PDB file of all heavy atoms in Angstrom:
ATOM      1  N   GLY A   1       0.767  -1.191  -0.009  1.00  0.00           N
ATOM      2  CA  GLY A   1      -0.039  -0.012   0.028  1.00  0.00           C
ATOM      3  C   GLY A   1       0.835   1.230   0.015  1.00  0.00           C
ATOM      4  O   GLY A   1       2.038   1.256  -0.287  1.00  0.00           O
ATOM      5  N   PRO A   2       0.286   2.403   0.323  1.00  0.00           N
ATOM      6  CA  PRO A   2      -1.100   2.554   0.782  1.00  0.00           C
ATOM      7  C   PRO A   2      -2.173   2.296  -0.292  1.00  0.00           C
ATOM      8  O   PRO A   2      -1.891   2.486  -1.469  1.00  0.00           O
ATOM      9  CB  PRO A   2      -1.151   4.038   1.215  1.00  0.00           C
ATOM     10  CG  PRO A   2      -0.138   4.701   0.339  1.00  0.00           C
ATOM     11  CD  PRO A   2       0.962   3.727   0.164  1.00  0.00           C
ATOM     12  N   GLY A   3      -3.303   1.834   0.128  1.00  0.00           N
ATOM     13  CA  GLY A   3      -4.357   1.570  -0.859  1.00  0.00           C
ATOM     14  C   GLY A   3      -4.170   0.193  -1.555  1.00  0.00           C
ATOM     15  O   GLY A   3      -3.183  -0.550  -1.271  1.00  0.00           O
ATOM     16  N   PRO A   4      -5.084  -0.102  -2.437  1.00  0.00           N
ATOM     17  CA  PRO A   4      -4.970  -1.391  -3.153  1.00  0.00           C
ATOM     18  C   PRO A   4      -3.865  -1.361  -4.228  1.00  0.00           C
ATOM     19  O   PRO A   4      -3.336  -0.332  -4.537  1.00  0.00           O
ATOM     20  CB  PRO A   4      -6.320  -1.500  -3.865  1.00  0.00           C
ATOM     21  CG  PRO A   4      -6.778  -0.084  -4.022  1.00  0.00           C
ATOM     22  CD  PRO A   4      -6.266   0.703  -2.788  1.00  0.00           C
ATOM     23  N   LYS A   5      -3.476  -2.544  -4.712  1.00  0.00           N
ATOM     24  CA  LYS A   5      -2.476  -2.684  -5.652  1.00  0.00           C
ATOM     25  C   LYS A   5      -2.889  -1.924  -6.955  1.00  0.00           C
ATOM     26  O   LYS A   5      -4.021  -2.077  -7.420  1.00  0.00           O
ATOM     27  CB  LYS A   5      -2.145  -4.101  -5.984  1.00  0.00           C
ATOM     28  CG  LYS A   5      -0.903  -4.379  -6.918  1.00  0.00           C
ATOM     29  CD  LYS A   5      -0.547  -5.757  -6.976  1.00  0.00           C
ATOM     30  CE  LYS A   5      -1.569  -6.631  -7.585  1.00  0.00           C
ATOM     31  NZ  LYS A   5      -1.169  -8.018  -7.751  1.00  0.00           N
ATOM     32  N   PRO A   6      -1.979  -1.076  -7.557  1.00  0.00           N
ATOM     33  CA  PRO A   6      -2.378  -0.329  -8.754  1.00  0.00           C
ATOM     34  C   PRO A   6      -2.600  -1.195  -9.904  1.00  0.00           C
ATOM     35  O   PRO A   6      -2.101  -2.322 -10.029  1.00  0.00           O
ATOM     36  CB  PRO A   6      -1.191   0.621  -8.993  1.00  0.00           C
ATOM     37  CG  PRO A   6      -0.005  -0.176  -8.338  1.00  0.00           C
ATOM     38  CD  PRO A   6      -0.567  -0.798  -7.140  1.00  0.00           C
ATOM     39  N   ALA A   7      -3.442  -0.697 -10.896  1.00  0.00           N
ATOM     40  CA  ALA A   7      -3.879  -1.524 -12.043  1.00  0.00           C
ATOM     41  C   ALA A   7      -2.626  -1.871 -12.897  1.00  0.00           C
ATOM     42  O   ALA A   7      -2.612  -2.908 -13.607  1.00  0.00           O
ATOM     43  CB  ALA A   7      -4.892  -0.780 -12.828  1.00  0.00           C
ATOM     44  N   TRP A   8      -1.638  -0.987 -12.968  1.00  0.00           N
ATOM     45  CA  TRP A   8      -0.483  -1.153 -13.841  1.00  0.00           C
ATOM     46  C   TRP A   8       0.420  -2.289 -13.361  1.00  0.00           C
ATOM     47  O   TRP A   8       1.226  -2.774 -14.081  1.00  0.00           O
ATOM     48  CB  TRP A   8       0.308   0.128 -14.095  1.00  0.00           C
ATOM     49  CG  TRP A   8       0.868   0.706 -12.773  1.00  0.00           C
ATOM     50  CD1 TRP A   8       0.335   1.641 -12.040  1.00  0.00           C
ATOM     51  CD2 TRP A   8       2.136   0.283 -12.144  1.00  0.00           C
ATOM     52  NE1 TRP A   8       1.090   1.978 -10.942  1.00  0.00           N
ATOM     53  CE2 TRP A   8       2.228   1.127 -10.974  1.00  0.00           C
ATOM     54  CE3 TRP A   8       3.133  -0.603 -12.423  1.00  0.00           C
ATOM     55  CZ2 TRP A   8       3.358   1.041 -10.124  1.00  0.00           C
ATOM     56  CZ3 TRP A   8       4.229  -0.661 -11.543  1.00  0.00           C
ATOM     57  CH2 TRP A   8       4.277   0.196 -10.392  1.00  0.00           C
ATOM     58  N   MET A   9       0.283  -2.675 -12.109  1.00  0.00           N
ATOM     59  CA  MET A   9       1.144  -3.729 -11.558  1.00  0.00           C
ATOM     60  C   MET A   9       0.553  -5.100 -11.833  1.00  0.00           C
ATOM     61  O   MET A   9       0.188  -5.902 -11.046  1.00  0.00           O
ATOM     62  CB  MET A   9       1.238  -3.542 -10.041  1.00  0.00           C
ATOM     63  CG  MET A   9       2.417  -4.381  -9.429  1.00  0.00           C
ATOM     64  SD  MET A   9       2.661  -4.071  -7.646  1.00  0.00           S
ATOM     65  CE  MET A   9       3.570  -2.535  -7.646  1.00  0.00           C
ATOM     66  N   ASN A  10       0.438  -5.366 -13.203  1.00  0.00           N
ATOM     67  CA  ASN A  10      -0.158  -6.615 -13.752  1.00  0.00           C
ATOM     68  C   ASN A  10       0.938  -7.617 -14.152  1.00  0.00           C
ATOM     69  O   ASN A  10       0.756  -8.196 -15.129  1.00  0.00           O
ATOM     70  CB  ASN A  10      -1.087  -6.270 -14.879  1.00  0.00           C
ATOM     71  CG  ASN A  10      -0.347  -5.572 -16.069  1.00  0.00           C
ATOM     72  OD1 ASN A  10       0.770  -5.148 -15.934  1.00  0.00           O
ATOM     73  ND2 ASN A  10      -1.001  -5.535 -17.170  1.00  0.00           N
ATOM     74  N   PHE A  11       1.939  -7.746 -13.295  1.00  0.00           N
ATOM     75  CA  PHE A  11       3.020  -8.620 -13.665  1.00  0.00           C
ATOM     76  C   PHE A  11       3.400  -9.406 -12.388  1.00  0.00           C
ATOM     77  O   PHE A  11       2.853  -9.123 -11.321  1.00  0.00           O
ATOM     78  CB  PHE A  11       4.294  -7.854 -14.121  1.00  0.00           C
ATOM     79  CG  PHE A  11       4.588  -6.603 -13.270  1.00  0.00           C
ATOM     80  CD1 PHE A  11       5.251  -6.730 -12.115  1.00  0.00           C
ATOM     81  CD2 PHE A  11       4.200  -5.403 -13.713  1.00  0.00           C
ATOM     82  CE1 PHE A  11       5.544  -5.563 -11.324  1.00  0.00           C
ATOM     83  CE2 PHE A  11       4.508  -4.240 -12.963  1.00  0.00           C
ATOM     84  CZ  PHE A  11       5.139  -4.372 -11.799  1.00  0.00           C
ATOM     85  N   ASP A  12       4.216 -10.406 -12.547  1.00  0.00           N
ATOM     86  CA  ASP A  12       4.637 -11.217 -11.392  1.00  0.00           C
ATOM     87  C   ASP A  12       5.966 -10.847 -10.950  1.00  0.00           C
ATOM     88  O   ASP A  12       6.696 -10.041 -11.536  1.00  0.00           O
ATOM     89  CB  ASP A  12       4.500 -12.726 -11.646  1.00  0.00           C
ATOM     90  CG  ASP A  12       5.296 -13.188 -12.894  1.00  0.00           C
ATOM     91  OD1 ASP A  12       6.230 -12.378 -13.349  1.00  0.00           O
ATOM     92  OD2 ASP A  12       5.036 -14.230 -13.458  1.00  0.00           O
ATOM     93  N   ASP A  13       6.472 -11.511  -9.848  1.00  0.00           N
ATOM     94  CA  ASP A  13       7.836 -11.167  -9.291  1.00  0.00           C
ATOM     95  C   ASP A  13       8.880 -11.500 -10.243  1.00  0.00           C
ATOM     96  O   ASP A  13       9.963 -10.818 -10.337  1.00  0.00           O
ATOM     97  CB  ASP A  13       8.010 -11.952  -7.966  1.00  0.00           C
ATOM     98  CG  ASP A  13       7.181 -11.385  -6.795  1.00  0.00           C
ATOM     99  OD1 ASP A  13       6.413 -10.480  -7.048  1.00  0.00           O
ATOM    100  OD2 ASP A  13       7.329 -11.856  -5.675  1.00  0.00           O
ATOM    101  N   GLN A  14       8.722 -12.623 -10.995  1.00  0.00           N
ATOM    102  CA  GLN A  14       9.730 -13.074 -11.956  1.00  0.00           C
ATOM    103  C   GLN A  14      10.030 -11.990 -13.007  1.00  0.00           C
ATOM    104  O   GLN A  14      11.179 -11.740 -13.427  1.00  0.00           O
ATOM    105  CB  GLN A  14       9.383 -14.369 -12.599  1.00  0.00           C
ATOM    106  CG  GLN A  14       9.514 -15.582 -11.698  1.00  0.00           C
ATOM    107  CD  GLN A  14       8.337 -15.680 -10.754  1.00  0.00           C
ATOM    108  OE1 GLN A  14       7.354 -15.004 -10.946  1.00  0.00           O
ATOM    109  NE2 GLN A  14       8.496 -16.436  -9.686  1.00  0.00           N
ATOM    110  N   TRP A  15       8.960 -11.223 -13.434  1.00  0.00           N
ATOM    111  CA  TRP A  15       9.114 -10.209 -14.455  1.00  0.00           C
ATOM    112  C   TRP A  15       9.971  -9.062 -13.912  1.00  0.00           C
ATOM    113  O   TRP A  15      10.747  -8.464 -14.606  1.00  0.00           O
ATOM    114  CB  TRP A  15       7.786  -9.709 -14.981  1.00  0.00           C
ATOM    115  CG  TRP A  15       8.013  -8.914 -16.247  1.00  0.00           C
ATOM    116  CD1 TRP A  15       8.337  -9.295 -17.491  1.00  0.00           C
ATOM    117  CD2 TRP A  15       7.753  -7.505 -16.359  1.00  0.00           C
ATOM    118  NE1 TRP A  15       8.340  -8.261 -18.390  1.00  0.00           N
ATOM    119  CE2 TRP A  15       8.016  -7.170 -17.703  1.00  0.00           C
ATOM    120  CE3 TRP A  15       7.466  -6.488 -15.475  1.00  0.00           C
ATOM    121  CZ2 TRP A  15       7.952  -5.779 -18.169  1.00  0.00           C
ATOM    122  CZ3 TRP A  15       7.368  -5.178 -15.911  1.00  0.00           C
ATOM    123  CH2 TRP A  15       7.637  -4.819 -17.200  1.00  0.00           C
ATOM    124  N   VAL A  16       9.811  -8.744 -12.618  1.00  0.00           N
ATOM    125  CA  VAL A  16      10.598  -7.695 -11.964  1.00  0.00           C
ATOM    126  C   VAL A  16      12.067  -8.119 -12.057  1.00  0.00           C
ATOM    127  O   VAL A  16      12.926  -7.262 -12.359  1.00  0.00           O
ATOM    128  CB  VAL A  16      10.160  -7.472 -10.524  1.00  0.00           C
ATOM    129  CG1 VAL A  16      11.090  -6.453  -9.881  1.00  0.00           C
ATOM    130  CG2 VAL A  16       8.759  -7.057 -10.474  1.00  0.00           C
ATOM    131  N   ASN A  17      12.403  -9.414 -11.769  1.00  0.00           N
ATOM    132  CA  ASN A  17      13.733  -9.861 -11.915  1.00  0.00           C
ATOM    133  C   ASN A  17      14.319  -9.732 -13.312  1.00  0.00           C
ATOM    134  O   ASN A  17      15.458  -9.396 -13.480  1.00  0.00           O
ATOM    135  CB  ASN A  17      13.894 -11.338 -11.454  1.00  0.00           C
ATOM    136  CG  ASN A  17      13.567 -11.516 -10.003  1.00  0.00           C
ATOM    137  OD1 ASN A  17      13.832 -10.596  -9.181  1.00  0.00           O
ATOM    138  ND2 ASN A  17      13.093 -12.707  -9.625  1.00  0.00           N
ATOM    139  N   GLU A  18      13.405 -10.010 -14.338  1.00  0.00           N
ATOM    140  CA  GLU A  18      13.828  -9.872 -15.739  1.00  0.00           C
ATOM    141  C   GLU A  18      14.181  -8.425 -16.098  1.00  0.00           C
ATOM    142  O   GLU A  18      15.120  -8.116 -16.799  1.00  0.00           O
ATOM    143  CB  GLU A  18      12.698 -10.423 -16.658  1.00  0.00           C
ATOM    144  CG  GLU A  18      12.680 -11.913 -16.734  1.00  0.00           C
ATOM    145  CD  GLU A  18      11.780 -12.297 -17.906  1.00  0.00           C
ATOM    146  OE1 GLU A  18      10.526 -12.286 -17.751  1.00  0.00           O
ATOM    147  OE2 GLU A  18      12.278 -12.623 -18.986  1.00  0.00           O
ATOM    148  N   VAL A  19      13.310  -7.501 -15.620  1.00  0.00           N
ATOM    149  CA  VAL A  19      13.517  -6.055 -15.888  1.00  0.00           C
ATOM    150  C   VAL A  19      14.864  -5.642 -15.252  1.00  0.00           C
ATOM    151  O   VAL A  19      15.627  -4.904 -15.847  1.00  0.00           O
ATOM    152  CB  VAL A  19      12.325  -5.239 -15.423  1.00  0.00           C
ATOM    153  CG1 VAL A  19      12.658  -3.755 -15.467  1.00  0.00           C
ATOM    154  CG2 VAL A  19      11.125  -5.566 -16.193  1.00  0.00           C
ATOM    155  N   GLN A  20      15.065  -6.099 -13.928  1.00  0.00           N
ATOM    156  CA  GLN A  20      16.340  -5.723 -13.313  1.00  0.00           C
ATOM    157  C   GLN A  20      17.523  -6.217 -14.152  1.00  0.00           C
ATOM    158  O   GLN A  20      18.479  -5.454 -14.333  1.00  0.00           O
ATOM    159  CB  GLN A  20      16.445  -6.369 -11.911  1.00  0.00           C
ATOM    160  CG  GLN A  20      17.709  -6.110 -11.183  1.00  0.00           C
ATOM    161  CD  GLN A  20      17.818  -6.947  -9.893  1.00  0.00           C
ATOM    162  OE1 GLN A  20      17.012  -7.857  -9.646  1.00  0.00           O
ATOM    163  NE2 GLN A  20      18.842  -6.707  -9.130  1.00  0.00           N
ATOM    164  N   ARG A  21      17.438  -7.421 -14.658  1.00  0.00           N
ATOM    165  CA  ARG A  21      18.486  -7.994 -15.447  1.00  0.00           C
ATOM    166  C   ARG A  21      18.673  -7.230 -16.775  1.00  0.00           C
ATOM    167  O   ARG A  21      19.806  -6.869 -17.201  1.00  0.00           O
ATOM    168  CB  ARG A  21      18.210  -9.422 -15.739  1.00  0.00           C
ATOM    169  CG  ARG A  21      19.301 -10.157 -16.603  1.00  0.00           C
ATOM    170  CD  ARG A  21      18.860 -11.599 -16.904  1.00  0.00           C
ATOM    171  NE  ARG A  21      17.673 -11.616 -17.752  1.00  0.00           N
ATOM    172  CZ  ARG A  21      17.092 -12.737 -18.123  1.00  0.00           C
ATOM    173  NH1 ARG A  21      17.468 -13.942 -17.717  1.00  0.00           N
ATOM    174  NH2 ARG A  21      15.947 -12.696 -18.896  1.00  0.00           N
ATOM    175  N   GLY A  22      17.592  -6.836 -17.373  1.00  0.00           N
ATOM    176  CA  GLY A  22      17.605  -6.033 -18.619  1.00  0.00           C
ATOM    177  C   GLY A  22      18.225  -4.641 -18.392  1.00  0.00           C
ATOM    178  O   GLY A  22      18.989  -4.154 -19.235  1.00  0.00           O
ATOM    179  N   ILE A  23      17.874  -4.033 -17.266  1.00  0.00           N
ATOM    180  CA  ILE A  23      18.450  -2.676 -17.000  1.00  0.00           C
ATOM    181  C   ILE A  23      19.908  -2.783 -16.743  1.00  0.00           C
ATOM    182  O   ILE A  23      20.722  -1.951 -17.163  1.00  0.00           O
ATOM    183  CB  ILE A  23      17.653  -2.044 -15.849  1.00  0.00           C
ATOM    184  CG1 ILE A  23      16.280  -1.669 -16.306  1.00  0.00           C
ATOM    185  CG2 ILE A  23      18.424  -0.795 -15.286  1.00  0.00           C
ATOM    186  CD1 ILE A  23      15.433  -1.016 -15.213  1.00  0.00           C
ATOM    187  N   ASN A  24      20.370  -3.898 -16.052  1.00  0.00           N
ATOM    188  CA  ASN A  24      21.770  -4.050 -15.873  1.00  0.00           C
ATOM    189  C   ASN A  24      22.535  -4.235 -17.219  1.00  0.00           C
ATOM    190  O   ASN A  24      23.581  -3.717 -17.370  1.00  0.00           O
ATOM    191  CB  ASN A  24      22.044  -5.331 -15.021  1.00  0.00           C
ATOM    192  CG  ASN A  24      21.670  -5.127 -13.520  1.00  0.00           C
ATOM    193  OD1 ASN A  24      21.686  -4.007 -13.081  1.00  0.00           O
ATOM    194  ND2 ASN A  24      21.393  -6.190 -12.890  1.00  0.00           N
ATOM    195  N   ALA A  25      21.871  -4.940 -18.131  1.00  0.00           N
ATOM    196  CA  ALA A  25      22.455  -5.098 -19.438  1.00  0.00           C
ATOM    197  C   ALA A  25      22.555  -3.705 -20.188  1.00  0.00           C
ATOM    198  O   ALA A  25      23.521  -3.470 -20.836  1.00  0.00           O
ATOM    199  CB  ALA A  25      21.620  -6.049 -20.316  1.00  0.00           C
ATOM    200  N   CYS A  26      21.529  -2.876 -20.094  1.00  0.00           N
ATOM    201  CA  CYS A  26      21.558  -1.570 -20.698  1.00  0.00           C
ATOM    202  C   CYS A  26      22.694  -0.716 -20.057  1.00  0.00           C
ATOM    203  O   CYS A  26      23.273   0.058 -20.810  1.00  0.00           O
ATOM    204  CB  CYS A  26      20.206  -0.894 -20.507  1.00  0.00           C
ATOM    205  SG  CYS A  26      18.899  -1.651 -21.509  1.00  0.00           S
ATOM    206  N   GLY A  27      22.933  -0.930 -18.769  1.00  0.00           N
ATOM    207  CA  GLY A  27      24.112  -0.290 -18.174  1.00  0.00           C
ATOM    208  C   GLY A  27      25.440  -0.675 -18.830  1.00  0.00           C
ATOM    209  O   GLY A  27      26.352   0.125 -18.955  1.00  0.00           O
ATOM    210  N   VAL A  28      25.546  -1.983 -19.189  1.00  0.00           N
ATOM    211  CA  VAL A  28      26.745  -2.485 -19.860  1.00  0.00           C
ATOM    212  C   VAL A  28      26.844  -1.783 -21.209  1.00  0.00           C
ATOM    213  O   VAL A  28      27.933  -1.356 -21.570  1.00  0.00           O
ATOM    214  CB  VAL A  28      26.615  -3.989 -20.040  1.00  0.00           C
ATOM    215  CG1 VAL A  28      27.680  -4.486 -20.980  1.00  0.00           C
ATOM    216  CG2 VAL A  28      26.705  -4.687 -18.712  1.00  0.00           C
ATOM    217  N   PHE A  29      25.718  -1.589 -21.871  1.00  0.00           N
ATOM    218  CA  PHE A  29      25.800  -0.981 -23.253  1.00  0.00           C
ATOM    219  C   PHE A  29      26.265   0.473 -23.243  1.00  0.00           C
ATOM    220  O   PHE A  29      26.715   1.033 -24.284  1.00  0.00           O
ATOM    221  CB  PHE A  29      24.434  -1.065 -23.931  1.00  0.00           C
ATOM    222  CG  PHE A  29      23.841  -2.401 -23.987  1.00  0.00           C
ATOM    223  CD1 PHE A  29      22.501  -2.671 -24.075  1.00  0.00           C
ATOM    224  CD2 PHE A  29      24.647  -3.608 -23.932  1.00  0.00           C
ATOM    225  CE1 PHE A  29      21.940  -3.920 -24.124  1.00  0.00           C
ATOM    226  CE2 PHE A  29      24.122  -4.855 -24.044  1.00  0.00           C
ATOM    227  CZ  PHE A  29      22.766  -5.026 -24.105  1.00  0.00           C
ATOM    228  N   LEU A  30      26.055   1.205 -22.103  1.00  0.00           N
ATOM    229  CA  LEU A  30      26.332   2.594 -22.077  1.00  0.00           C
ATOM    230  C   LEU A  30      27.841   2.849 -22.293  1.00  0.00           C
ATOM    231  O   LEU A  30      28.201   3.983 -22.592  1.00  0.00           O
ATOM    232  CB  LEU A  30      25.956   3.172 -20.712  1.00  0.00           C
ATOM    233  CG  LEU A  30      24.437   3.302 -20.465  1.00  0.00           C
ATOM    234  CD1 LEU A  30      24.172   3.798 -19.071  1.00  0.00           C
ATOM    235  CD2 LEU A  30      23.831   4.272 -21.553  1.00  0.00           C
ATOM    236  N   TRP A  31      28.659   1.853 -22.207  1.00  0.00           N
ATOM    237  CA  TRP A  31      30.086   2.000 -22.398  1.00  0.00           C
ATOM    238  C   TRP A  31      30.478   1.886 -23.896  1.00  0.00           C
ATOM    239  O   TRP A  31      31.566   2.266 -24.305  1.00  0.00           O
ATOM    240  CB  TRP A  31      30.918   0.945 -21.594  1.00  0.00           C
ATOM    241  CG  TRP A  31      30.741   1.069 -20.171  1.00  0.00           C
ATOM    242  CD1 TRP A  31      29.825   0.478 -19.346  1.00  0.00           C
ATOM    243  CD2 TRP A  31      31.490   1.923 -19.212  1.00  0.00           C
ATOM    244  NE1 TRP A  31      29.971   0.867 -18.045  1.00  0.00           N
ATOM    245  CE2 TRP A  31      30.968   1.753 -17.970  1.00  0.00           C
ATOM    246  CE3 TRP A  31      32.548   2.807 -19.394  1.00  0.00           C
ATOM    247  CZ2 TRP A  31      31.548   2.370 -16.848  1.00  0.00           C
ATOM    248  CZ3 TRP A  31      33.082   3.463 -18.317  1.00  0.00           C
ATOM    249  CH2 TRP A  31      32.563   3.268 -17.055  1.00  0.00           C
ATOM    250  N   TYR A  32      29.566   1.351 -24.655  1.00  0.00           N
ATOM    251  CA  TYR A  32      29.895   1.018 -26.073  1.00  0.00           C
ATOM    252  C   TYR A  32      30.082   2.243 -27.021  1.00  0.00           C
ATOM    253  O   TYR A  32      30.867   2.024 -27.993  1.00  0.00           O
ATOM    254  CB  TYR A  32      28.792   0.109 -26.670  1.00  0.00           C
ATOM    255  CG  TYR A  32      29.098  -1.364 -26.547  1.00  0.00           C
ATOM    256  CD1 TYR A  32      28.831  -2.018 -25.318  1.00  0.00           C
ATOM    257  CD2 TYR A  32      29.614  -2.113 -27.550  1.00  0.00           C
ATOM    258  CE1 TYR A  32      29.072  -3.334 -25.130  1.00  0.00           C
ATOM    259  CE2 TYR A  32      29.804  -3.454 -27.408  1.00  0.00           C
ATOM    260  CZ  TYR A  32      29.571  -4.056 -26.217  1.00  0.00           C
ATOM    261  OH  TYR A  32      29.856  -5.434 -26.035  1.00  0.00           O
TER     262      TYR A  32
END
């Protein structure tokens, strides 16, 4: 909360892990 879960949070915990991994990869690309 506060309040109920927002409508945009329509994903599971595993997808959060995937996004974290993807953002880490984009950080790698910033050196290119």
